[in-house]
Amino acid sequence: MFTAYVVVTVLAAAASAYSATNHYVRPKWILDNMTRYGVPLSWLPALGAVKAAGALGLLVGIGVPAIAVAASVGLILYYVGAVGAIWRARCYPHLPAPMPFLLLVVASLVLRLASY
C-alpha cells in the first residue's frame, strides 16, 4: 500500500508543480482562462505559490505523515475552489480541467490515511 501511496503522491506533486509553474510562466491560455473566470491576474503568483507549497508538502509528507495530510487537504481545498470559480463563471466546458489534479490529491490523501 505504501508503494502505491508514494507513486500517486509523486504524480500529484508533479502535476501540482506543473500547474504552479504555469502561473509563473503565464502562457496566454492561463491568462485568458483566469480573465474568463474573473480571477485577477495579480493573484497568479500567490496561487502559484500555494500550489508549489502544496506540491512540496506532498513530497515532504512521504516522510512526515502530518505534513502529507495538511498538504493534501490544502490542495483539495484549492482545486475545489478552482472548480467553484469555473462554475461561477459558467464556463461549464472547463469544469473537467482541474479534476485530474483534484483526483490525484484525493487519492494521495486516501492512500496516506490507509497506510498509517
N, C-alpha and C. Protein backbone atom coordinates (compact mmCIF):
# COMPACT_ATOMS: atom_id res chain seq x y z
N MET A 1 0.83 -1.20 0.00
CA MET A 1 0.00 0.00 0.00
C MET A 1 0.87 1.26 0.00
N PHE A 2 1.98 1.20 0.75
CA PHE A 2 2.84 2.38 0.83
C PHE A 2 3.45 2.72 -0.52
N THR A 3 3.79 1.71 -1.31
CA THR A 3 4.36 1.96 -2.64
C THR A 3 3.36 2.68 -3.53
N ALA A 4 2.11 2.26 -3.48
CA ALA A 4 1.06 2.93 -4.25
C ALA A 4 0.92 4.38 -3.79
N TYR A 5 0.98 4.59 -2.49
CA TYR A 5 0.90 5.95 -1.94
C TYR A 5 2.03 6.82 -2.49
N VAL A 6 3.25 6.29 -2.47
CA VAL A 6 4.39 7.08 -2.94
C VAL A 6 4.25 7.41 -4.42
N VAL A 7 3.85 6.44 -5.23
CA VAL A 7 3.70 6.67 -6.67
C VAL A 7 2.64 7.74 -6.94
N VAL A 8 1.49 7.59 -6.32
CA VAL A 8 0.39 8.55 -6.53
C VAL A 8 0.79 9.92 -6.01
N THR A 9 1.46 9.97 -4.89
CA THR A 9 1.86 11.25 -4.29
C THR A 9 2.89 11.97 -5.17
N VAL A 10 3.84 11.24 -5.71
CA VAL A 10 4.82 11.86 -6.60
C VAL A 10 4.12 12.39 -7.85
N LEU A 11 3.16 11.64 -8.39
CA LEU A 11 2.39 12.13 -9.55
C LEU A 11 1.58 13.37 -9.19
N ALA A 12 0.94 13.36 -8.03
CA ALA A 12 0.14 14.51 -7.60
C ALA A 12 1.03 15.73 -7.39
N ALA A 13 2.19 15.53 -6.80
CA ALA A 13 3.12 16.65 -6.59
C ALA A 13 3.63 17.18 -7.92
N ALA A 14 3.96 16.29 -8.85
CA ALA A 14 4.44 16.73 -10.16
C ALA A 14 3.36 17.50 -10.90
N ALA A 15 2.13 17.02 -10.84
CA ALA A 15 1.03 17.71 -11.52
C ALA A 15 0.80 19.10 -10.92
N SER A 16 0.82 19.18 -9.59
CA SER A 16 0.62 20.47 -8.94
C SER A 16 1.79 21.41 -9.20
N ALA A 17 3.01 20.88 -9.24
CA ALA A 17 4.18 21.71 -9.55
C ALA A 17 4.11 22.23 -10.99
N TYR A 18 3.68 21.38 -11.91
CA TYR A 18 3.49 21.81 -13.30
C TYR A 18 2.47 22.95 -13.36
N SER A 19 1.36 22.76 -12.67
CA SER A 19 0.31 23.78 -12.67
C SER A 19 0.81 25.08 -12.03
N ALA A 20 1.57 24.96 -10.95
CA ALA A 20 2.13 26.15 -10.30
C ALA A 20 3.08 26.88 -11.23
N THR A 21 3.89 26.13 -11.94
CA THR A 21 4.84 26.72 -12.89
C THR A 21 4.12 27.54 -13.95
N ASN A 22 2.97 27.05 -14.39
CA ASN A 22 2.20 27.80 -15.39
C ASN A 22 1.75 29.15 -14.87
N HIS A 23 1.55 29.27 -13.57
CA HIS A 23 1.15 30.57 -13.02
C HIS A 23 2.31 31.57 -13.08
N TYR A 24 3.53 31.07 -13.10
CA TYR A 24 4.68 31.97 -13.19
C TYR A 24 5.10 32.22 -14.63
N VAL A 25 4.99 31.21 -15.48
CA VAL A 25 5.33 31.36 -16.89
C VAL A 25 4.29 32.20 -17.61
N ARG A 26 3.04 32.08 -17.16
CA ARG A 26 1.92 32.87 -17.67
C ARG A 26 1.66 32.70 -19.16
N PRO A 27 1.45 31.47 -19.61
CA PRO A 27 1.09 31.30 -21.02
C PRO A 27 -0.25 31.98 -21.30
N LYS A 28 -0.47 32.30 -22.55
CA LYS A 28 -1.68 33.04 -22.94
C LYS A 28 -2.96 32.32 -22.49
N TRP A 29 -3.00 31.00 -22.60
CA TRP A 29 -4.22 30.28 -22.24
C TRP A 29 -4.53 30.41 -20.74
N ILE A 30 -3.52 30.52 -19.90
CA ILE A 30 -3.76 30.74 -18.46
C ILE A 30 -4.34 32.13 -18.26
N LEU A 31 -3.74 33.11 -18.89
CA LEU A 31 -4.23 34.49 -18.75
C LEU A 31 -5.66 34.61 -19.25
N ASP A 32 -5.95 33.99 -20.39
CA ASP A 32 -7.31 34.04 -20.94
C ASP A 32 -8.31 33.36 -20.00
N ASN A 33 -7.94 32.18 -19.50
CA ASN A 33 -8.86 31.47 -18.60
C ASN A 33 -9.09 32.21 -17.31
N MET A 34 -8.04 32.72 -16.70
CA MET A 34 -8.20 33.44 -15.44
C MET A 34 -9.08 34.68 -15.62
N THR A 35 -8.89 35.36 -16.73
CA THR A 35 -9.74 36.52 -17.03
C THR A 35 -11.19 36.08 -17.20
N ARG A 36 -11.39 34.99 -17.92
CA ARG A 36 -12.74 34.45 -18.15
C ARG A 36 -13.40 34.05 -16.82
N TYR A 37 -12.61 33.51 -15.89
CA TYR A 37 -13.16 33.06 -14.60
C TYR A 37 -13.33 34.20 -13.60
N GLY A 38 -12.84 35.37 -13.95
CA GLY A 38 -12.96 36.51 -13.04
C GLY A 38 -11.90 36.54 -11.96
N VAL A 39 -10.80 35.83 -12.18
CA VAL A 39 -9.69 35.81 -11.21
C VAL A 39 -8.70 36.91 -11.62
N PRO A 40 -8.42 37.84 -10.72
CA PRO A 40 -7.47 38.90 -11.06
C PRO A 40 -6.09 38.32 -11.39
N LEU A 41 -5.48 38.81 -12.44
CA LEU A 41 -4.17 38.31 -12.85
C LEU A 41 -3.10 38.59 -11.79
N SER A 42 -3.33 39.57 -10.95
CA SER A 42 -2.38 39.87 -9.88
C SER A 42 -2.33 38.75 -8.84
N TRP A 43 -3.31 37.85 -8.84
CA TRP A 43 -3.34 36.72 -7.90
C TRP A 43 -2.48 35.56 -8.37
N LEU A 44 -2.07 35.55 -9.64
CA LEU A 44 -1.35 34.40 -10.18
C LEU A 44 -0.11 34.00 -9.38
N PRO A 45 0.75 34.93 -8.98
CA PRO A 45 1.91 34.50 -8.19
C PRO A 45 1.53 33.84 -6.87
N ALA A 46 0.54 34.39 -6.19
CA ALA A 46 0.11 33.80 -4.91
C ALA A 46 -0.52 32.43 -5.12
N LEU A 47 -1.35 32.29 -6.16
CA LEU A 47 -1.96 30.99 -6.44
C LEU A 47 -0.90 29.97 -6.82
N GLY A 48 0.10 30.39 -7.57
CA GLY A 48 1.20 29.51 -7.92
C GLY A 48 1.99 29.10 -6.68
N ALA A 49 2.19 30.04 -5.77
CA ALA A 49 2.93 29.73 -4.53
C ALA A 49 2.17 28.72 -3.67
N VAL A 50 0.85 28.85 -3.62
CA VAL A 50 0.04 27.90 -2.85
C VAL A 50 0.19 26.50 -3.43
N LYS A 51 0.10 26.40 -4.75
CA LYS A 51 0.24 25.08 -5.39
C LYS A 51 1.65 24.52 -5.23
N ALA A 52 2.65 25.37 -5.35
CA ALA A 52 4.03 24.91 -5.18
C ALA A 52 4.27 24.44 -3.75
N ALA A 53 3.75 25.17 -2.78
CA ALA A 53 3.89 24.76 -1.38
C ALA A 53 3.17 23.43 -1.14
N GLY A 54 2.01 23.28 -1.74
CA GLY A 54 1.28 22.02 -1.61
C GLY A 54 2.05 20.86 -2.21
N ALA A 55 2.64 21.08 -3.38
CA ALA A 55 3.44 20.03 -4.03
C ALA A 55 4.63 19.65 -3.16
N LEU A 56 5.31 20.64 -2.63
CA LEU A 56 6.45 20.37 -1.75
C LEU A 56 5.98 19.64 -0.49
N GLY A 57 4.85 20.07 0.06
CA GLY A 57 4.30 19.41 1.24
C GLY A 57 3.95 17.96 1.00
N LEU A 58 3.44 17.67 -0.19
CA LEU A 58 3.15 16.27 -0.52
C LEU A 58 4.42 15.43 -0.49
N LEU A 59 5.50 15.97 -1.06
CA LEU A 59 6.76 15.22 -1.11
C LEU A 59 7.38 15.07 0.28
N VAL A 60 7.39 16.15 1.05
CA VAL A 60 7.91 16.07 2.42
C VAL A 60 7.04 15.12 3.25
N GLY A 61 5.76 15.13 2.94
CA GLY A 61 4.81 14.29 3.68
C GLY A 61 5.02 12.80 3.50
N ILE A 62 5.78 12.40 2.51
CA ILE A 62 6.09 10.98 2.37
C ILE A 62 6.81 10.49 3.63
N GLY A 63 7.62 11.36 4.21
CA GLY A 63 8.32 11.01 5.44
C GLY A 63 7.66 11.52 6.71
N VAL A 64 6.81 12.54 6.59
CA VAL A 64 6.16 13.14 7.75
C VAL A 64 4.65 13.14 7.49
N PRO A 65 3.94 12.12 7.99
CA PRO A 65 2.52 11.96 7.66
C PRO A 65 1.64 13.18 7.92
N ALA A 66 1.88 13.91 8.99
CA ALA A 66 1.03 15.06 9.31
C ALA A 66 1.14 16.13 8.22
N ILE A 67 2.33 16.30 7.68
CA ILE A 67 2.52 17.28 6.61
C ILE A 67 1.80 16.81 5.34
N ALA A 68 1.84 15.51 5.10
CA ALA A 68 1.14 14.96 3.93
C ALA A 68 -0.35 15.25 4.01
N VAL A 69 -0.92 15.04 5.18
CA VAL A 69 -2.36 15.28 5.34
C VAL A 69 -2.67 16.77 5.18
N ALA A 70 -1.87 17.62 5.79
CA ALA A 70 -2.10 19.07 5.68
C ALA A 70 -1.98 19.54 4.24
N ALA A 71 -0.94 19.09 3.54
CA ALA A 71 -0.74 19.49 2.14
C ALA A 71 -1.88 18.98 1.27
N SER A 72 -2.30 17.75 1.50
CA SER A 72 -3.39 17.18 0.70
C SER A 72 -4.68 17.96 0.92
N VAL A 73 -5.01 18.23 2.16
CA VAL A 73 -6.24 18.97 2.45
C VAL A 73 -6.17 20.37 1.83
N GLY A 74 -5.02 21.02 1.94
CA GLY A 74 -4.87 22.34 1.35
C GLY A 74 -5.05 22.33 -0.16
N LEU A 75 -4.44 21.36 -0.82
CA LEU A 75 -4.59 21.28 -2.28
C LEU A 75 -6.00 20.88 -2.69
N ILE A 76 -6.62 20.01 -1.90
CA ILE A 76 -8.02 19.65 -2.20
C ILE A 76 -8.89 20.90 -2.14
N LEU A 77 -8.72 21.69 -1.10
CA LEU A 77 -9.49 22.94 -0.98
C LEU A 77 -9.19 23.88 -2.15
N TYR A 78 -7.92 23.94 -2.56
CA TYR A 78 -7.54 24.79 -3.68
C TYR A 78 -8.27 24.35 -4.95
N TYR A 79 -8.20 23.06 -5.26
CA TYR A 79 -8.81 22.58 -6.52
C TYR A 79 -10.34 22.61 -6.46
N VAL A 80 -10.92 22.43 -5.30
CA VAL A 80 -12.37 22.60 -5.18
C VAL A 80 -12.73 24.07 -5.42
N GLY A 81 -11.88 24.97 -4.93
CA GLY A 81 -12.08 26.39 -5.20
C GLY A 81 -11.95 26.71 -6.68
N ALA A 82 -11.04 26.03 -7.36
CA ALA A 82 -10.90 26.22 -8.81
C ALA A 82 -12.17 25.78 -9.54
N VAL A 83 -12.71 24.64 -9.12
CA VAL A 83 -13.97 24.17 -9.72
C VAL A 83 -15.07 25.20 -9.46
N GLY A 84 -15.10 25.73 -8.24
CA GLY A 84 -16.10 26.75 -7.91
C GLY A 84 -15.97 28.01 -8.74
N ALA A 85 -14.74 28.44 -8.98
CA ALA A 85 -14.52 29.64 -9.80
C ALA A 85 -14.98 29.41 -11.24
N ILE A 86 -14.69 28.21 -11.75
CA ILE A 86 -15.12 27.88 -13.11
C ILE A 86 -16.64 27.81 -13.18
N TRP A 87 -17.25 27.19 -12.18
CA TRP A 87 -18.71 27.07 -12.13
C TRP A 87 -19.35 28.45 -12.05
N ARG A 88 -18.82 29.30 -11.17
CA ARG A 88 -19.36 30.65 -11.00
C ARG A 88 -19.29 31.45 -12.29
N ALA A 89 -18.23 31.23 -13.07
CA ALA A 89 -18.06 31.94 -14.34
C ALA A 89 -18.89 31.32 -15.47
N ARG A 90 -19.56 30.22 -15.15
CA ARG A 90 -20.40 29.50 -16.12
C ARG A 90 -19.60 29.02 -17.33
N CYS A 91 -18.38 28.63 -17.10
CA CYS A 91 -17.53 28.05 -18.16
C CYS A 91 -17.59 26.53 -18.03
N TYR A 92 -18.78 26.00 -18.14
CA TYR A 92 -19.01 24.58 -17.87
C TYR A 92 -18.12 23.62 -18.67
N PRO A 93 -17.77 23.92 -19.92
CA PRO A 93 -16.86 23.00 -20.62
C PRO A 93 -15.47 22.91 -19.96
N HIS A 94 -15.11 23.90 -19.13
CA HIS A 94 -13.81 23.90 -18.47
C HIS A 94 -13.84 23.14 -17.14
N LEU A 95 -15.00 22.73 -16.68
CA LEU A 95 -15.09 22.06 -15.37
C LEU A 95 -14.18 20.84 -15.24
N PRO A 96 -14.00 20.03 -16.29
CA PRO A 96 -13.12 18.87 -16.13
C PRO A 96 -11.63 19.21 -15.95
N ALA A 97 -11.22 20.42 -16.28
CA ALA A 97 -9.79 20.76 -16.27
C ALA A 97 -9.11 20.52 -14.92
N PRO A 98 -9.66 20.98 -13.80
CA PRO A 98 -8.95 20.74 -12.53
C PRO A 98 -9.18 19.34 -11.95
N MET A 99 -10.05 18.55 -12.54
CA MET A 99 -10.40 17.25 -11.95
C MET A 99 -9.23 16.27 -11.84
N PRO A 100 -8.37 16.13 -12.85
CA PRO A 100 -7.25 15.19 -12.67
C PRO A 100 -6.35 15.58 -11.49
N PHE A 101 -6.11 16.88 -11.32
CA PHE A 101 -5.30 17.36 -10.21
C PHE A 101 -5.99 17.03 -8.88
N LEU A 102 -7.28 17.34 -8.82
CA LEU A 102 -8.07 17.08 -7.61
C LEU A 102 -8.08 15.59 -7.28
N LEU A 103 -8.34 14.76 -8.27
CA LEU A 103 -8.42 13.32 -8.03
C LEU A 103 -7.08 12.73 -7.59
N LEU A 104 -5.98 13.21 -8.16
CA LEU A 104 -4.67 12.73 -7.72
C LEU A 104 -4.41 13.08 -6.26
N VAL A 105 -4.76 14.29 -5.86
CA VAL A 105 -4.52 14.71 -4.48
C VAL A 105 -5.45 13.95 -3.52
N VAL A 106 -6.70 13.74 -3.92
CA VAL A 106 -7.62 12.95 -3.08
C VAL A 106 -7.08 11.53 -2.94
N ALA A 107 -6.63 10.94 -4.04
CA ALA A 107 -6.08 9.58 -3.98
C ALA A 107 -4.85 9.54 -3.07
N SER A 108 -4.02 10.56 -3.14
CA SER A 108 -2.84 10.63 -2.28
C SER A 108 -3.26 10.66 -0.80
N LEU A 109 -4.25 11.48 -0.49
CA LEU A 109 -4.72 11.56 0.89
C LEU A 109 -5.31 10.23 1.36
N VAL A 110 -6.14 9.64 0.54
CA VAL A 110 -6.76 8.36 0.91
C VAL A 110 -5.69 7.28 1.15
N LEU A 111 -4.73 7.22 0.25
CA LEU A 111 -3.66 6.22 0.40
C LEU A 111 -2.77 6.52 1.62
N ARG A 112 -2.54 7.80 1.88
CA ARG A 112 -1.76 8.16 3.08
C ARG A 112 -2.48 7.71 4.34
N LEU A 113 -3.78 7.97 4.40
CA LEU A 113 -4.55 7.58 5.59
C LEU A 113 -4.65 6.07 5.71
N ALA A 114 -4.70 5.38 4.58
CA ALA A 114 -4.79 3.92 4.61
C ALA A 114 -3.46 3.27 4.98
N SER A 115 -2.36 3.98 4.82
CA SER A 115 -1.06 3.37 5.10
C SER A 115 -0.52 3.74 6.48
N TYR A 116 -1.33 4.35 7.33
CA TYR A 116 -0.90 4.65 8.71
C TYR A 116 -0.72 3.37 9.47
